[in-house]
Amino acid sequence: MDKDRVKGAKDQAAGSVKEAIGKVTGDKRTEAEGKAQKAGGKVRRKVGEAKDAVRDK
């Protein structure tokens, strides 16, 4: 498993938590930061998946 997959999953989870906190508190900035972190994590995870796929072939 590629380390980008792990870091991406971690960032996605942290972004989801941050987004939820922003929604609950009404803090639009925190909510937006969470969405951005979650999206970045998703991209990083996909990069790791692609690296794994190439390595496994």
N, C-alpha and C. Protein backbone atom coordinates (compact mmCIF):
# COMPACT_ATOMS: atom_id res chain seq x y z
N MET A 1 0.84 -1.17 0.00
CA MET A 1 0.00 0.00 0.00
C MET A 1 0.89 1.23 0.00
N ASP A 2 0.59 2.15 -0.89
CA ASP A 2 1.39 3.36 -1.04
C ASP A 2 1.11 4.33 0.10
N LYS A 3 2.16 5.05 0.53
CA LYS A 3 1.99 5.99 1.64
C LYS A 3 1.06 7.15 1.28
N ASP A 4 0.92 7.48 -0.01
CA ASP A 4 -0.02 8.52 -0.41
C ASP A 4 -1.46 8.10 -0.14
N ARG A 5 -1.74 6.82 -0.27
CA ARG A 5 -3.09 6.33 0.05
C ARG A 5 -3.41 6.54 1.52
N VAL A 6 -2.45 6.23 2.37
CA VAL A 6 -2.65 6.36 3.81
C VAL A 6 -2.82 7.83 4.20
N LYS A 7 -1.91 8.67 3.71
CA LYS A 7 -1.99 10.09 4.04
C LYS A 7 -3.26 10.71 3.47
N GLY A 8 -3.65 10.28 2.29
CA GLY A 8 -4.88 10.79 1.69
C GLY A 8 -6.11 10.43 2.50
N ALA A 9 -6.16 9.21 2.96
CA ALA A 9 -7.29 8.77 3.79
C ALA A 9 -7.34 9.55 5.09
N LYS A 10 -6.16 9.79 5.67
CA LYS A 10 -6.08 10.56 6.91
C LYS A 10 -6.57 11.99 6.69
N ASP A 11 -6.14 12.61 5.60
CA ASP A 11 -6.57 13.96 5.29
C ASP A 11 -8.07 14.04 5.02
N GLN A 12 -8.60 13.02 4.35
CA GLN A 12 -10.03 12.99 4.10
C GLN A 12 -10.81 12.95 5.41
N ALA A 13 -10.38 12.10 6.32
CA ALA A 13 -11.06 11.97 7.61
C ALA A 13 -10.97 13.27 8.41
N ALA A 14 -9.79 13.85 8.45
CA ALA A 14 -9.60 15.11 9.19
C ALA A 14 -10.44 16.22 8.57
N GLY A 15 -10.49 16.25 7.25
CA GLY A 15 -11.30 17.26 6.56
C GLY A 15 -12.77 17.10 6.85
N SER A 16 -13.24 15.87 6.92
CA SER A 16 -14.65 15.62 7.24
C SER A 16 -14.99 16.13 8.64
N VAL A 17 -14.10 15.88 9.58
CA VAL A 17 -14.31 16.33 10.95
C VAL A 17 -14.33 17.86 10.99
N LYS A 18 -13.36 18.47 10.34
CA LYS A 18 -13.26 19.93 10.33
C LYS A 18 -14.50 20.55 9.68
N GLU A 19 -14.95 19.95 8.59
CA GLU A 19 -16.15 20.43 7.90
C GLU A 19 -17.37 20.35 8.83
N ALA A 20 -17.51 19.23 9.52
CA ALA A 20 -18.64 19.05 10.44
C ALA A 20 -18.60 20.07 11.58
N ILE A 21 -17.41 20.31 12.11
CA ILE A 21 -17.27 21.29 13.19
C ILE A 21 -17.67 22.67 12.68
N GLY A 22 -17.25 22.99 11.47
CA GLY A 22 -17.62 24.28 10.88
C GLY A 22 -19.12 24.42 10.71
N LYS A 23 -19.77 23.35 10.29
CA LYS A 23 -21.23 23.39 10.12
C LYS A 23 -21.93 23.58 11.46
N VAL A 24 -21.49 22.83 12.47
CA VAL A 24 -22.14 22.89 13.79
C VAL A 24 -21.97 24.26 14.43
N THR A 25 -20.77 24.83 14.30
CA THR A 25 -20.50 26.12 14.93
C THR A 25 -20.92 27.30 14.06
N GLY A 26 -21.26 27.03 12.80
CA GLY A 26 -21.63 28.12 11.91
C GLY A 26 -20.43 28.88 11.36
N ASP A 27 -19.25 28.30 11.49
CA ASP A 27 -18.02 28.93 11.02
C ASP A 27 -17.77 28.52 9.57
N LYS A 28 -18.10 29.41 8.65
CA LYS A 28 -17.99 29.11 7.22
C LYS A 28 -16.54 28.87 6.80
N ARG A 29 -15.60 29.57 7.43
CA ARG A 29 -14.19 29.40 7.07
C ARG A 29 -13.69 28.00 7.42
N THR A 30 -14.00 27.54 8.62
CA THR A 30 -13.60 26.20 9.05
C THR A 30 -14.26 25.15 8.17
N GLU A 31 -15.52 25.38 7.85
CA GLU A 31 -16.24 24.44 6.98
C GLU A 31 -15.56 24.37 5.61
N ALA A 32 -15.19 25.52 5.05
CA ALA A 32 -14.54 25.56 3.74
C ALA A 32 -13.15 24.90 3.80
N GLU A 33 -12.42 25.15 4.88
CA GLU A 33 -11.11 24.52 5.04
C GLU A 33 -11.25 23.00 5.11
N GLY A 34 -12.27 22.54 5.79
CA GLY A 34 -12.52 21.10 5.88
C GLY A 34 -12.83 20.49 4.53
N LYS A 35 -13.67 21.18 3.76
CA LYS A 35 -14.00 20.70 2.41
C LYS A 35 -12.76 20.62 1.54
N ALA A 36 -11.91 21.65 1.63
CA ALA A 36 -10.68 21.68 0.83
C ALA A 36 -9.73 20.55 1.25
N GLN A 37 -9.59 20.35 2.55
CA GLN A 37 -8.71 19.29 3.06
C GLN A 37 -9.23 17.92 2.63
N LYS A 38 -10.54 17.76 2.69
CA LYS A 38 -11.15 16.49 2.30
C LYS A 38 -10.92 16.23 0.80
N ALA A 39 -11.07 17.26 -0.02
CA ALA A 39 -10.86 17.10 -1.46
C ALA A 39 -9.39 16.79 -1.76
N GLY A 40 -8.48 17.47 -1.08
CA GLY A 40 -7.06 17.20 -1.26
C GLY A 40 -6.70 15.78 -0.86
N GLY A 41 -7.30 15.32 0.21
CA GLY A 41 -7.06 13.95 0.67
C GLY A 41 -7.56 12.93 -0.33
N LYS A 42 -8.69 13.23 -0.94
CA LYS A 42 -9.25 12.31 -1.94
C LYS A 42 -8.32 12.21 -3.15
N VAL A 43 -7.79 13.34 -3.58
CA VAL A 43 -6.86 13.34 -4.71
C VAL A 43 -5.60 12.56 -4.35
N ARG A 44 -5.07 12.81 -3.17
CA ARG A 44 -3.83 12.13 -2.76
C ARG A 44 -4.05 10.61 -2.66
N ARG A 45 -5.22 10.22 -2.16
CA ARG A 45 -5.54 8.79 -2.06
C ARG A 45 -5.61 8.16 -3.44
N LYS A 46 -6.21 8.87 -4.39
CA LYS A 46 -6.32 8.35 -5.76
C LYS A 46 -4.94 8.22 -6.40
N VAL A 47 -4.05 9.16 -6.12
CA VAL A 47 -2.67 9.08 -6.63
C VAL A 47 -2.00 7.83 -6.08
N GLY A 48 -2.19 7.57 -4.80
CA GLY A 48 -1.62 6.37 -4.18
C GLY A 48 -2.19 5.10 -4.79
N GLU A 49 -3.49 5.10 -5.08
CA GLU A 49 -4.11 3.94 -5.72
C GLU A 49 -3.52 3.71 -7.10
N ALA A 50 -3.29 4.80 -7.84
CA ALA A 50 -2.71 4.67 -9.18
C ALA A 50 -1.28 4.13 -9.09
N LYS A 51 -0.52 4.61 -8.12
CA LYS A 51 0.84 4.10 -7.94
C LYS A 51 0.83 2.62 -7.63
N ASP A 52 -0.10 2.20 -6.77
CA ASP A 52 -0.23 0.77 -6.45
C ASP A 52 -0.58 -0.04 -7.67
N ALA A 53 -1.50 0.46 -8.48
CA ALA A 53 -1.93 -0.26 -9.68
C ALA A 53 -0.76 -0.43 -10.66
N VAL A 54 0.04 0.62 -10.82
CA VAL A 54 1.19 0.53 -11.72
C VAL A 54 2.23 -0.44 -11.17
N ARG A 55 2.46 -0.38 -9.88
CA ARG A 55 3.46 -1.24 -9.25
C ARG A 55 3.04 -2.71 -9.31
N ASP A 56 1.75 -2.98 -9.22
CA ASP A 56 1.26 -4.35 -9.19
C ASP A 56 1.22 -5.02 -10.56
N LYS A 57 1.34 -4.25 -11.62
CA LYS A 57 1.26 -4.83 -12.97
C LYS A 57 2.56 -5.37 -13.44
